[in-house]
Structure formats: structure tokens, C-alpha cells
Amino acid sequence: GLFSLFLWITGFFYLLVIAGLLEVAWAVGLKYTEGFTRPVISGFTLLAMLGLPAALGVLAFIQNPTISQSKAAFVDATYSLTSDLHLIAGIRRTKDDKSRQGYSQYGDPVFFSSVNDATVNYGQTTGRLGADYALSKSTMLYGTFATGYKAGGFNDGTEATNRFLKYDPEHLKSIEIGIKGRFLENRLQVRGR
């Protein structure tokens, strides 16, 4: 489809650069992020709300930290067709891993306990193609086509107890066309899309 064509054009652009047929300004990078949520211990007294012995109705959710890791590598390139017209291409590969370990307990003292673990792993390649044209020293017209991604995750429970445990990643495709300008000796910046 359209995304395959997009990847092919981006790859062809990079091959021309590697072969020395295009002179390009590059931005290359790696990104690593890691996040932890605090352990959660929450509970409520179910039976006390019904007027029954409270000790039997204590329900607690004990969650160890949720661990989230994201790794990415990206390349952005800008090629000047003329001093005023530039082509832009970028590609990014992202890998996301999330995990959680925990359990639910019922009663005080506890007479029932169940595991509450979850793990998800996602990977996605995204990119962008675009162009910008300087209408003047202070005004630029631009347009881009880009794809985006946000990793999925999980809700409370396990696959055995929650058929909606995992949720899928979000994907998007966007087209942006706009104009940017700086005026009043760079004291005013205007952008329209």
C-alpha cells in the first residue's frame, strides 16, 4: 500500500545518498527510555459495604512496578534541490517492551490469591517525506507526509480473567501543509496549517 511505497521511496533516497549521488545534511540518533511506576497496594472492603463481616471482604491489588522500555534508532536527511527548495526524508525504528507482576488477594487473613502479570512487546517502523520552499528570507511554505506510532499496553488482570487485558498500538498517517514566517525583526513568528 501507501506505506510500502513510502518506505521504498525513503530507502531509494538513502541509497542515492550512500552512492554519493546526492549531497545531504544528516541527523542520526539513538534513543533509549525506561520508566517505572511505583508499586501499588490498593484495597477495599466489599462486604462491609453490605453490612457483613468486613474481614472476609477485603480485596487488595498488589502491583510491583510496571516497567516500560523504549529503544529507537532514526535517520533524518535534508537535500537541497536549490537554495530555496529542500526535500526531507526520515525513518525511525522503535521497539517497546512493557511488563508488570502482581497479584490480587481476598480476605483478611488472605484465603484466596491470584496472579496479575502481563507483558507486551511491540515494534514499528515510521517515517516522513516532505519538502519546504523559502518564499522569502523570512517566509517558508512546507508540506510533509508522516506516519506515527504509540505502543500498546495492558489493563488490570490476566489473560484468563480479562479478555481485554492487552490493547493494541495506535498508528497514524498525517499530511501537513503550512506556512511559517518571522516578522518585525524576528519578534513575531506566525505559523499556519
N, C-alpha and C. Protein backbone atom coordinates (compact mmCIF):
# COMPACT_ATOMS: atom_id res chain seq x y z
N GLY A 1 0.80 -1.17 0.00
CA GLY A 1 0.00 0.00 0.00
C GLY A 1 0.86 1.25 0.00
N LEU A 2 0.26 2.32 0.47
CA LEU A 2 0.89 3.62 0.51
C LEU A 2 2.13 3.63 1.40
N PHE A 3 2.06 2.95 2.54
CA PHE A 3 3.21 2.92 3.45
C PHE A 3 4.39 2.18 2.82
N SER A 4 4.13 1.09 2.09
CA SER A 4 5.21 0.37 1.41
C SER A 4 5.88 1.26 0.37
N LEU A 5 5.09 2.01 -0.38
CA LEU A 5 5.65 2.95 -1.35
C LEU A 5 6.49 4.00 -0.64
N PHE A 6 5.99 4.49 0.48
CA PHE A 6 6.71 5.47 1.28
C PHE A 6 8.08 4.92 1.72
N LEU A 7 8.11 3.68 2.24
CA LEU A 7 9.38 3.07 2.65
C LEU A 7 10.31 2.87 1.47
N TRP A 8 9.78 2.49 0.31
CA TRP A 8 10.60 2.29 -0.87
C TRP A 8 11.24 3.60 -1.31
N ILE A 9 10.46 4.69 -1.35
CA ILE A 9 11.00 5.99 -1.76
C ILE A 9 12.06 6.45 -0.77
N THR A 10 11.80 6.30 0.52
CA THR A 10 12.77 6.70 1.53
C THR A 10 14.06 5.88 1.39
N GLY A 11 13.94 4.57 1.20
CA GLY A 11 15.12 3.72 1.01
C GLY A 11 15.89 4.09 -0.23
N PHE A 12 15.20 4.39 -1.33
CA PHE A 12 15.85 4.79 -2.58
C PHE A 12 16.62 6.09 -2.38
N PHE A 13 16.02 7.05 -1.66
CA PHE A 13 16.66 8.32 -1.34
C PHE A 13 17.98 8.08 -0.60
N TYR A 14 17.95 7.21 0.41
CA TYR A 14 19.16 6.93 1.18
C TYR A 14 20.21 6.21 0.34
N LEU A 15 19.80 5.34 -0.57
CA LEU A 15 20.76 4.68 -1.46
C LEU A 15 21.47 5.69 -2.36
N LEU A 16 20.74 6.67 -2.89
CA LEU A 16 21.36 7.71 -3.70
C LEU A 16 22.38 8.51 -2.89
N VAL A 17 22.08 8.76 -1.64
CA VAL A 17 23.00 9.48 -0.76
C VAL A 17 24.25 8.65 -0.52
N ILE A 18 24.07 7.36 -0.17
CA ILE A 18 25.20 6.48 0.11
C ILE A 18 26.08 6.34 -1.12
N ALA A 19 25.47 6.30 -2.29
CA ALA A 19 26.23 6.16 -3.54
C ALA A 19 26.96 7.45 -3.90
N GLY A 20 26.73 8.52 -3.18
CA GLY A 20 27.42 9.78 -3.45
C GLY A 20 26.75 10.60 -4.54
N LEU A 21 25.54 10.25 -4.92
CA LEU A 21 24.84 10.98 -5.98
C LEU A 21 24.08 12.19 -5.46
N LEU A 22 23.87 12.25 -4.17
CA LEU A 22 23.20 13.39 -3.55
C LEU A 22 24.03 13.88 -2.37
N GLU A 23 24.10 15.20 -2.20
CA GLU A 23 24.75 15.77 -1.02
C GLU A 23 23.66 16.16 -0.03
N VAL A 24 23.78 15.64 1.17
CA VAL A 24 22.68 15.73 2.12
C VAL A 24 23.16 16.16 3.50
N ALA A 25 22.30 16.91 4.22
CA ALA A 25 22.53 17.20 5.64
C ALA A 25 21.83 16.11 6.44
N TRP A 26 22.56 15.51 7.40
CA TRP A 26 22.07 14.35 8.14
C TRP A 26 21.80 14.67 9.61
N ALA A 27 20.86 13.95 10.17
CA ALA A 27 20.67 13.88 11.62
C ALA A 27 20.43 12.40 11.92
N VAL A 28 21.30 11.82 12.73
CA VAL A 28 21.23 10.40 13.06
C VAL A 28 21.22 10.28 14.58
N GLY A 29 20.42 9.36 15.11
CA GLY A 29 20.38 9.25 16.55
C GLY A 29 19.83 7.94 17.07
N LEU A 30 20.08 7.74 18.35
CA LEU A 30 19.55 6.60 19.10
C LEU A 30 18.82 7.16 20.30
N LYS A 31 17.76 6.48 20.71
CA LYS A 31 17.01 6.94 21.88
C LYS A 31 16.68 5.73 22.74
N TYR A 32 16.86 5.89 24.04
CA TYR A 32 16.51 4.84 24.99
C TYR A 32 15.81 5.51 26.17
N THR A 33 14.62 5.01 26.50
CA THR A 33 13.92 5.50 27.68
C THR A 33 13.44 4.30 28.49
N GLU A 34 13.42 4.50 29.79
CA GLU A 34 12.96 3.44 30.69
C GLU A 34 12.13 4.11 31.77
N GLY A 35 10.98 3.53 32.04
CA GLY A 35 10.11 4.11 33.05
C GLY A 35 9.60 3.04 34.00
N PHE A 36 9.36 3.46 35.22
CA PHE A 36 8.84 2.57 36.26
C PHE A 36 7.66 3.27 36.92
N THR A 37 6.61 2.52 37.18
CA THR A 37 5.55 3.06 38.01
C THR A 37 5.79 2.55 39.43
N ARG A 38 5.35 3.28 40.39
CA ARG A 38 5.54 2.86 41.78
C ARG A 38 4.70 1.63 42.09
N PRO A 39 5.16 0.81 43.02
CA PRO A 39 4.33 -0.32 43.45
C PRO A 39 3.00 0.19 43.99
N VAL A 40 1.95 -0.52 43.68
CA VAL A 40 0.61 -0.10 44.10
C VAL A 40 0.02 -1.16 45.02
N ILE A 41 -0.46 -0.72 46.14
CA ILE A 41 -1.21 -1.61 47.03
C ILE A 41 -2.52 -0.88 47.29
N SER A 42 -3.59 -1.40 46.73
CA SER A 42 -4.88 -0.77 46.94
C SER A 42 -5.86 -1.85 47.37
N GLY A 43 -6.85 -1.46 48.07
CA GLY A 43 -7.84 -2.44 48.52
C GLY A 43 -9.10 -1.76 49.00
N PHE A 44 -10.13 -2.56 49.14
CA PHE A 44 -11.37 -2.03 49.69
C PHE A 44 -12.10 -3.17 50.38
N THR A 45 -13.01 -2.80 51.25
CA THR A 45 -13.79 -3.78 52.00
C THR A 45 -15.15 -3.91 51.35
N LEU A 46 -15.31 -4.98 50.61
CA LEU A 46 -16.52 -5.22 49.85
C LEU A 46 -17.71 -5.57 50.75
N LEU A 47 -17.52 -6.51 51.64
CA LEU A 47 -18.63 -6.99 52.47
C LEU A 47 -19.09 -5.96 53.50
N ALA A 48 -18.16 -5.11 53.94
CA ALA A 48 -18.54 -4.07 54.91
C ALA A 48 -19.58 -3.14 54.30
N MET A 49 -19.48 -2.92 53.00
CA MET A 49 -20.47 -2.08 52.32
C MET A 49 -21.85 -2.72 52.34
N LEU A 50 -21.88 -4.06 52.48
CA LEU A 50 -23.15 -4.79 52.51
C LEU A 50 -23.61 -5.07 53.94
N GLY A 51 -22.83 -4.62 54.94
CA GLY A 51 -23.18 -4.84 56.32
C GLY A 51 -22.78 -6.20 56.85
N LEU A 52 -21.90 -6.94 56.16
CA LEU A 52 -21.44 -8.26 56.58
C LEU A 52 -20.07 -8.12 57.22
N PRO A 53 -19.53 -9.21 57.86
CA PRO A 53 -18.20 -9.12 58.50
C PRO A 53 -17.14 -8.63 57.51
N ALA A 54 -16.53 -7.51 57.82
CA ALA A 54 -15.60 -6.85 56.91
C ALA A 54 -14.36 -7.68 56.61
N ALA A 55 -13.89 -8.46 57.56
CA ALA A 55 -12.63 -9.19 57.38
C ALA A 55 -12.69 -10.15 56.20
N LEU A 56 -13.87 -10.70 55.91
CA LEU A 56 -13.99 -11.64 54.79
C LEU A 56 -13.96 -10.95 53.44
N GLY A 57 -14.31 -9.67 53.40
CA GLY A 57 -14.47 -8.99 52.13
C GLY A 57 -13.34 -8.08 51.72
N VAL A 58 -12.16 -8.19 52.31
CA VAL A 58 -11.06 -7.32 51.92
C VAL A 58 -10.49 -7.81 50.59
N LEU A 59 -10.48 -6.92 49.61
CA LEU A 59 -9.92 -7.23 48.30
C LEU A 59 -8.76 -6.27 48.07
N ALA A 60 -7.57 -6.80 47.83
CA ALA A 60 -6.38 -5.98 47.64
C ALA A 60 -5.70 -6.32 46.33
N PHE A 61 -5.18 -5.29 45.66
CA PHE A 61 -4.41 -5.45 44.42
C PHE A 61 -2.99 -5.00 44.71
N ILE A 62 -2.06 -5.93 44.63
CA ILE A 62 -0.65 -5.63 44.91
C ILE A 62 0.11 -5.69 43.60
N GLN A 63 0.63 -4.56 43.15
CA GLN A 63 1.33 -4.49 41.87
C GLN A 63 2.77 -4.06 42.11
N ASN A 64 3.70 -4.85 41.62
CA ASN A 64 5.08 -4.41 41.60
C ASN A 64 5.20 -3.36 40.50
N PRO A 65 6.33 -2.71 40.38
CA PRO A 65 6.43 -1.66 39.36
C PRO A 65 6.15 -2.20 37.95
N THR A 66 5.43 -1.40 37.19
CA THR A 66 5.31 -1.66 35.77
C THR A 66 6.57 -1.10 35.13
N ILE A 67 7.23 -1.91 34.34
CA ILE A 67 8.49 -1.50 33.70
C ILE A 67 8.21 -1.27 32.22
N SER A 68 8.63 -0.13 31.73
CA SER A 68 8.43 0.23 30.33
C SER A 68 9.76 0.64 29.73
N GLN A 69 10.16 -0.02 28.62
CA GLN A 69 11.40 0.33 27.93
C GLN A 69 11.09 0.62 26.47
N SER A 70 11.73 1.65 25.94
CA SER A 70 11.58 2.00 24.53
C SER A 70 12.95 2.28 23.95
N LYS A 71 13.25 1.63 22.82
CA LYS A 71 14.53 1.83 22.13
C LYS A 71 14.22 2.24 20.70
N ALA A 72 14.96 3.22 20.18
CA ALA A 72 14.71 3.67 18.82
C ALA A 72 16.01 4.11 18.16
N ALA A 73 16.06 3.95 16.84
CA ALA A 73 17.13 4.47 16.00
C ALA A 73 16.47 5.25 14.88
N PHE A 74 17.05 6.40 14.52
CA PHE A 74 16.43 7.21 13.47
C PHE A 74 17.48 7.89 12.61
N VAL A 75 17.05 8.23 11.41
CA VAL A 75 17.86 8.97 10.45
C VAL A 75 16.96 9.99 9.79
N ASP A 76 17.40 11.24 9.77
CA ASP A 76 16.72 12.30 9.03
C ASP A 76 17.71 12.89 8.04
N ALA A 77 17.24 13.20 6.84
CA ALA A 77 18.12 13.76 5.82
C ALA A 77 17.39 14.89 5.11
N THR A 78 18.14 15.94 4.77
CA THR A 78 17.61 17.06 4.01
C THR A 78 18.50 17.29 2.79
N TYR A 79 17.88 17.31 1.62
CA TYR A 79 18.60 17.52 0.38
C TYR A 79 18.14 18.84 -0.24
N SER A 80 19.08 19.69 -0.60
CA SER A 80 18.75 20.98 -1.22
C SER A 80 18.74 20.85 -2.73
N LEU A 81 17.54 20.91 -3.31
CA LEU A 81 17.44 20.91 -4.78
C LEU A 81 17.92 22.25 -5.33
N THR A 82 17.54 23.33 -4.65
CA THR A 82 18.04 24.68 -4.94
C THR A 82 18.30 25.32 -3.59
N SER A 83 18.74 26.56 -3.59
CA SER A 83 18.97 27.24 -2.31
C SER A 83 17.66 27.48 -1.55
N ASP A 84 16.53 27.45 -2.27
CA ASP A 84 15.24 27.71 -1.64
C ASP A 84 14.36 26.47 -1.46
N LEU A 85 14.64 25.38 -2.20
CA LEU A 85 13.80 24.20 -2.18
C LEU A 85 14.55 23.01 -1.59
N HIS A 86 13.97 22.40 -0.54
CA HIS A 86 14.61 21.29 0.16
C HIS A 86 13.67 20.09 0.24
N LEU A 87 14.22 18.91 0.03
CA LEU A 87 13.50 17.66 0.23
C LEU A 87 13.91 17.07 1.56
N ILE A 88 12.97 16.51 2.28
CA ILE A 88 13.23 15.97 3.63
C ILE A 88 12.74 14.53 3.68
N ALA A 89 13.55 13.64 4.25
CA ALA A 89 13.14 12.25 4.44
C ALA A 89 13.64 11.79 5.80
N GLY A 90 12.85 10.97 6.47
CA GLY A 90 13.27 10.44 7.76
C GLY A 90 12.67 9.06 7.98
N ILE A 91 13.39 8.25 8.72
CA ILE A 91 12.90 6.91 9.06
C ILE A 91 13.31 6.61 10.50
N ARG A 92 12.46 5.88 11.22
CA ARG A 92 12.70 5.57 12.63
C ARG A 92 12.19 4.16 12.90
N ARG A 93 12.98 3.40 13.64
CA ARG A 93 12.58 2.07 14.09
C ARG A 93 12.51 2.10 15.61
N THR A 94 11.35 1.71 16.15
CA THR A 94 11.12 1.75 17.59
C THR A 94 10.73 0.36 18.08
N LYS A 95 11.26 -0.03 19.24
CA LYS A 95 10.90 -1.28 19.91
C LYS A 95 10.50 -0.94 21.33
N ASP A 96 9.30 -1.39 21.73
CA ASP A 96 8.76 -1.11 23.06
C ASP A 96 8.45 -2.39 23.80
N ASP A 97 8.85 -2.46 25.07
CA ASP A 97 8.59 -3.61 25.94
C ASP A 97 7.99 -3.08 27.25
N LYS A 98 6.89 -3.71 27.69
CA LYS A 98 6.25 -3.35 28.96
C LYS A 98 5.93 -4.63 29.72
N SER A 99 6.13 -4.58 31.03
CA SER A 99 5.81 -5.76 31.85
C SER A 99 5.35 -5.33 33.24
N ARG A 100 4.60 -6.23 33.86
CA ARG A 100 4.09 -5.99 35.21
C ARG A 100 3.93 -7.33 35.91
N GLN A 101 4.23 -7.35 37.20
CA GLN A 101 4.00 -8.53 38.02
C GLN A 101 3.23 -8.10 39.26
N GLY A 102 2.25 -8.88 39.63
CA GLY A 102 1.47 -8.55 40.80
C GLY A 102 0.46 -9.64 41.10
N TYR A 103 -0.41 -9.37 42.04
CA TYR A 103 -1.42 -10.36 42.40
C TYR A 103 -2.58 -9.67 43.13
N SER A 104 -3.69 -10.37 43.17
CA SER A 104 -4.87 -9.91 43.89
C SER A 104 -5.08 -10.83 45.08
N GLN A 105 -5.49 -10.25 46.20
CA GLN A 105 -5.75 -11.04 47.41
C GLN A 105 -7.16 -10.76 47.91
N TYR A 106 -7.79 -11.80 48.49
CA TYR A 106 -9.13 -11.65 49.02
C TYR A 106 -9.17 -12.19 50.44
N GLY A 107 -9.72 -11.37 51.34
CA GLY A 107 -9.88 -11.79 52.73
C GLY A 107 -8.80 -11.25 53.64
N ASP A 108 -9.13 -11.21 54.95
CA ASP A 108 -8.17 -10.81 55.97
C ASP A 108 -8.41 -11.68 57.20
N PRO A 109 -7.67 -12.77 57.38
CA PRO A 109 -6.46 -13.14 56.64
C PRO A 109 -6.80 -13.60 55.21
N VAL A 110 -5.80 -13.59 54.36
CA VAL A 110 -5.97 -13.93 52.95
C VAL A 110 -6.37 -15.39 52.80
N PHE A 111 -7.48 -15.63 52.10
CA PHE A 111 -7.86 -17.02 51.82
C PHE A 111 -7.89 -17.31 50.32
N PHE A 112 -7.68 -16.28 49.48
CA PHE A 112 -7.58 -16.51 48.04
C PHE A 112 -6.64 -15.47 47.44
N SER A 113 -5.78 -15.94 46.55
CA SER A 113 -4.83 -15.05 45.88
C SER A 113 -4.71 -15.48 44.42
N SER A 114 -4.58 -14.50 43.49
CA SER A 114 -4.40 -14.84 42.07
C SER A 114 -3.33 -13.94 41.45
N VAL A 115 -2.62 -14.50 40.49
CA VAL A 115 -1.54 -13.78 39.80
C VAL A 115 -2.13 -12.71 38.91
N ASN A 116 -1.43 -11.60 38.77
CA ASN A 116 -1.88 -10.47 37.96
C ASN A 116 -0.70 -9.95 37.14
N ASP A 117 -0.11 -10.81 36.29
CA ASP A 117 1.05 -10.45 35.48
C ASP A 117 0.64 -10.12 34.05
N ALA A 118 1.44 -9.31 33.39
CA ALA A 118 1.20 -9.00 31.98
C ALA A 118 2.50 -8.55 31.33
N THR A 119 2.66 -8.89 30.05
CA THR A 119 3.82 -8.48 29.27
C THR A 119 3.37 -8.21 27.84
N VAL A 120 3.87 -7.12 27.25
CA VAL A 120 3.61 -6.83 25.84
C VAL A 120 4.91 -6.34 25.20
N ASN A 121 5.06 -6.63 23.92
CA ASN A 121 6.23 -6.21 23.13
C ASN A 121 5.73 -5.75 21.77
N TYR A 122 6.17 -4.59 21.36
CA TYR A 122 5.76 -4.04 20.06
C TYR A 122 6.97 -3.44 19.37
N GLY A 123 6.93 -3.42 18.04
CA GLY A 123 7.96 -2.76 17.25
C GLY A 123 7.30 -2.14 16.03
N GLN A 124 7.83 -1.00 15.60
CA GLN A 124 7.23 -0.31 14.47
C GLN A 124 8.28 0.54 13.75
N THR A 125 8.18 0.58 12.43
CA THR A 125 8.99 1.48 11.62
C THR A 125 8.09 2.61 11.14
N THR A 126 8.51 3.85 11.36
CA THR A 126 7.74 5.02 10.93
C THR A 126 8.66 5.94 10.13
N GLY A 127 8.09 6.92 9.50
CA GLY A 127 8.92 7.84 8.73
C GLY A 127 8.17 9.06 8.26
N ARG A 128 8.89 9.87 7.49
CA ARG A 128 8.28 11.06 6.92
C ARG A 128 8.97 11.45 5.63
N LEU A 129 8.23 12.05 4.73
CA LEU A 129 8.73 12.64 3.49
C LEU A 129 8.15 14.04 3.41
N GLY A 130 8.95 14.98 2.95
CA GLY A 130 8.43 16.33 2.86
C GLY A 130 9.29 17.23 2.01
N ALA A 131 8.85 18.45 1.91
CA ALA A 131 9.58 19.48 1.18
C ALA A 131 9.28 20.82 1.82
N ASP A 132 10.22 21.74 1.70
CA ASP A 132 9.96 23.11 2.11
C ASP A 132 10.54 24.05 1.07
N TYR A 133 9.90 25.20 0.93
CA TYR A 133 10.31 26.18 -0.07
C TYR A 133 10.32 27.56 0.57
N ALA A 134 11.46 28.25 0.48
CA ALA A 134 11.59 29.60 1.04
C ALA A 134 10.98 30.60 0.06
N LEU A 135 9.85 31.17 0.43
CA LEU A 135 9.22 32.20 -0.39
C LEU A 135 10.00 33.51 -0.31
N SER A 136 10.63 33.73 0.84
CA SER A 136 11.48 34.90 1.07
C SER A 136 12.44 34.53 2.19
N LYS A 137 13.27 35.50 2.63
CA LYS A 137 14.20 35.21 3.72
C LYS A 137 13.47 34.89 5.02
N SER A 138 12.24 35.38 5.17
CA SER A 138 11.53 35.21 6.44
C SER A 138 10.26 34.36 6.34
N THR A 139 9.97 33.82 5.16
CA THR A 139 8.73 33.06 4.99
C THR A 139 9.00 31.75 4.25
N MET A 140 8.44 30.65 4.79
CA MET A 140 8.66 29.34 4.20
C MET A 140 7.32 28.60 4.07
N LEU A 141 7.13 27.95 2.93
CA LEU A 141 6.00 27.08 2.66
C LEU A 141 6.50 25.65 2.82
N TYR A 142 5.70 24.77 3.47
CA TYR A 142 6.17 23.40 3.69
C TYR A 142 5.03 22.40 3.60
N GLY A 143 5.40 21.14 3.36
CA GLY A 143 4.44 20.05 3.34
C GLY A 143 5.13 18.75 3.71
N THR A 144 4.44 17.90 4.48
CA THR A 144 5.01 16.60 4.86
C THR A 144 3.92 15.53 4.88
N PHE A 145 4.36 14.32 4.61
CA PHE A 145 3.55 13.12 4.85
C PHE A 145 4.33 12.31 5.88
N ALA A 146 3.68 11.91 6.96
CA ALA A 146 4.39 11.20 8.03
C ALA A 146 3.52 10.09 8.60
N THR A 147 4.18 9.10 9.17
CA THR A 147 3.49 8.05 9.90
C THR A 147 3.93 8.12 11.35
N GLY A 148 3.07 7.69 12.25
CA GLY A 148 3.39 7.74 13.67
C GLY A 148 2.90 6.48 14.37
N TYR A 149 3.35 6.32 15.62
CA TYR A 149 3.07 5.09 16.38
C TYR A 149 3.16 5.39 17.86
N LYS A 150 2.26 4.81 18.62
CA LYS A 150 2.32 4.83 20.09
C LYS A 150 2.09 3.41 20.55
N ALA A 151 2.98 2.88 21.37
CA ALA A 151 2.91 1.48 21.81
C ALA A 151 1.61 1.18 22.55
N GLY A 152 1.17 -0.06 22.44
CA GLY A 152 0.02 -0.53 23.19
C GLY A 152 0.43 -0.82 24.63
N GLY A 153 -0.43 -1.51 25.35
CA GLY A 153 -0.14 -1.81 26.75
C GLY A 153 -1.12 -2.83 27.28
N PHE A 154 -1.37 -2.75 28.59
CA PHE A 154 -2.28 -3.71 29.21
C PHE A 154 -3.09 -3.06 30.31
N ASN A 155 -4.24 -3.66 30.56
CA ASN A 155 -5.13 -3.24 31.64
C ASN A 155 -4.89 -4.17 32.83
N ASP A 156 -5.74 -4.06 33.86
CA ASP A 156 -5.61 -4.89 35.05
C ASP A 156 -6.11 -6.31 34.75
N GLY A 157 -5.55 -7.28 35.45
CA GLY A 157 -5.98 -8.66 35.32
C GLY A 157 -4.96 -9.51 34.58
N THR A 158 -5.41 -10.69 34.15
CA THR A 158 -4.58 -11.61 33.38
C THR A 158 -5.36 -12.02 32.15
N GLU A 159 -4.71 -12.73 31.24
CA GLU A 159 -5.41 -13.19 30.04
C GLU A 159 -6.56 -14.11 30.40
N ALA A 160 -6.45 -14.84 31.52
CA ALA A 160 -7.52 -15.75 31.94
C ALA A 160 -8.72 -15.00 32.54
N THR A 161 -8.49 -13.82 33.12
CA THR A 161 -9.56 -13.11 33.82
C THR A 161 -10.07 -11.87 33.08
N ASN A 162 -9.34 -11.42 32.06
CA ASN A 162 -9.73 -10.19 31.36
C ASN A 162 -9.47 -10.34 29.87
N ARG A 163 -10.54 -10.53 29.11
CA ARG A 163 -10.33 -10.72 27.67
C ARG A 163 -9.89 -9.43 26.98
N PHE A 164 -9.95 -8.31 27.68
CA PHE A 164 -9.48 -7.03 27.17
C PHE A 164 -8.17 -6.62 27.83
N LEU A 165 -7.39 -7.62 28.27
CA LEU A 165 -6.15 -7.32 29.00
C LEU A 165 -5.21 -6.43 28.20
N LYS A 166 -4.94 -6.79 26.96
CA LYS A 166 -3.97 -6.04 26.15
C LYS A 166 -4.71 -5.14 25.17
N TYR A 167 -4.12 -3.97 24.96
CA TYR A 167 -4.65 -3.09 23.91
C TYR A 167 -3.55 -2.81 22.90
N ASP A 168 -3.98 -2.67 21.65
CA ASP A 168 -3.06 -2.56 20.52
C ASP A 168 -2.41 -1.18 20.45
N PRO A 169 -1.30 -1.11 19.73
CA PRO A 169 -0.67 0.20 19.49
C PRO A 169 -1.58 1.10 18.66
N GLU A 170 -1.31 2.38 18.74
CA GLU A 170 -2.01 3.36 17.92
C GLU A 170 -1.10 3.69 16.73
N HIS A 171 -1.70 3.82 15.55
CA HIS A 171 -0.96 4.16 14.33
C HIS A 171 -1.63 5.35 13.68
N LEU A 172 -0.84 6.20 13.06
CA LEU A 172 -1.43 7.31 12.35
C LEU A 172 -0.65 7.63 11.08
N LYS A 173 -1.36 8.23 10.15
CA LYS A 173 -0.77 8.78 8.94
C LYS A 173 -1.24 10.22 8.87
N SER A 174 -0.31 11.13 8.60
CA SER A 174 -0.70 12.54 8.58
C SER A 174 -0.12 13.25 7.36
N ILE A 175 -0.85 14.22 6.91
CA ILE A 175 -0.39 15.13 5.87
C ILE A 175 -0.48 16.53 6.46
N GLU A 176 0.62 17.26 6.38
CA GLU A 176 0.64 18.61 6.92
C GLU A 176 1.14 19.57 5.85
N ILE A 177 0.40 20.62 5.64
CA ILE A 177 0.78 21.67 4.70
C ILE A 177 0.65 22.98 5.44
N GLY A 178 1.68 23.84 5.34
CA GLY A 178 1.60 25.08 6.09
C GLY A 178 2.58 26.11 5.60
N ILE A 179 2.57 27.22 6.31
CA ILE A 179 3.45 28.33 6.02
C ILE A 179 3.97 28.87 7.36
N LYS A 180 5.25 29.25 7.39
CA LYS A 180 5.86 29.83 8.58
C LYS A 180 6.49 31.15 8.18
N GLY A 181 6.43 32.09 9.10
CA GLY A 181 7.05 33.38 8.82
C GLY A 181 7.53 34.05 10.08
N ARG A 182 8.60 34.83 9.92
CA ARG A 182 9.13 35.66 11.01
C ARG A 182 9.09 37.11 10.54
N PHE A 183 8.53 37.95 11.42
CA PHE A 183 8.34 39.34 11.06
C PHE A 183 8.77 40.24 12.21
N LEU A 184 8.78 41.53 11.97
CA LEU A 184 9.15 42.54 13.00
C LEU A 184 10.50 42.21 13.62
N GLU A 185 11.50 42.03 12.75
CA GLU A 185 12.87 41.72 13.18
C GLU A 185 12.90 40.49 14.09
N ASN A 186 12.19 39.44 13.68
CA ASN A 186 12.13 38.15 14.38
C ASN A 186 11.42 38.20 15.73
N ARG A 187 10.68 39.26 16.01
CA ARG A 187 9.94 39.32 17.27
C ARG A 187 8.57 38.66 17.16
N LEU A 188 8.10 38.45 15.93
CA LEU A 188 6.79 37.83 15.71
C LEU A 188 6.98 36.62 14.78
N GLN A 189 6.54 35.47 15.26
CA GLN A 189 6.59 34.25 14.45
C GLN A 189 5.16 33.80 14.19
N VAL A 190 4.82 33.58 12.92
CA VAL A 190 3.49 33.17 12.52
C VAL A 190 3.58 31.83 11.82
N ARG A 191 2.62 30.96 12.15
CA ARG A 191 2.60 29.62 11.53
C ARG A 191 1.15 29.27 11.24
N GLY A 192 0.89 28.87 10.01
CA GLY A 192 -0.47 28.48 9.64
C GLY A 192 -0.45 27.09 9.01
N ARG A 193 -1.42 26.26 9.40
CA ARG A 193 -1.53 24.92 8.82
C ARG A 193 -2.93 24.70 8.32
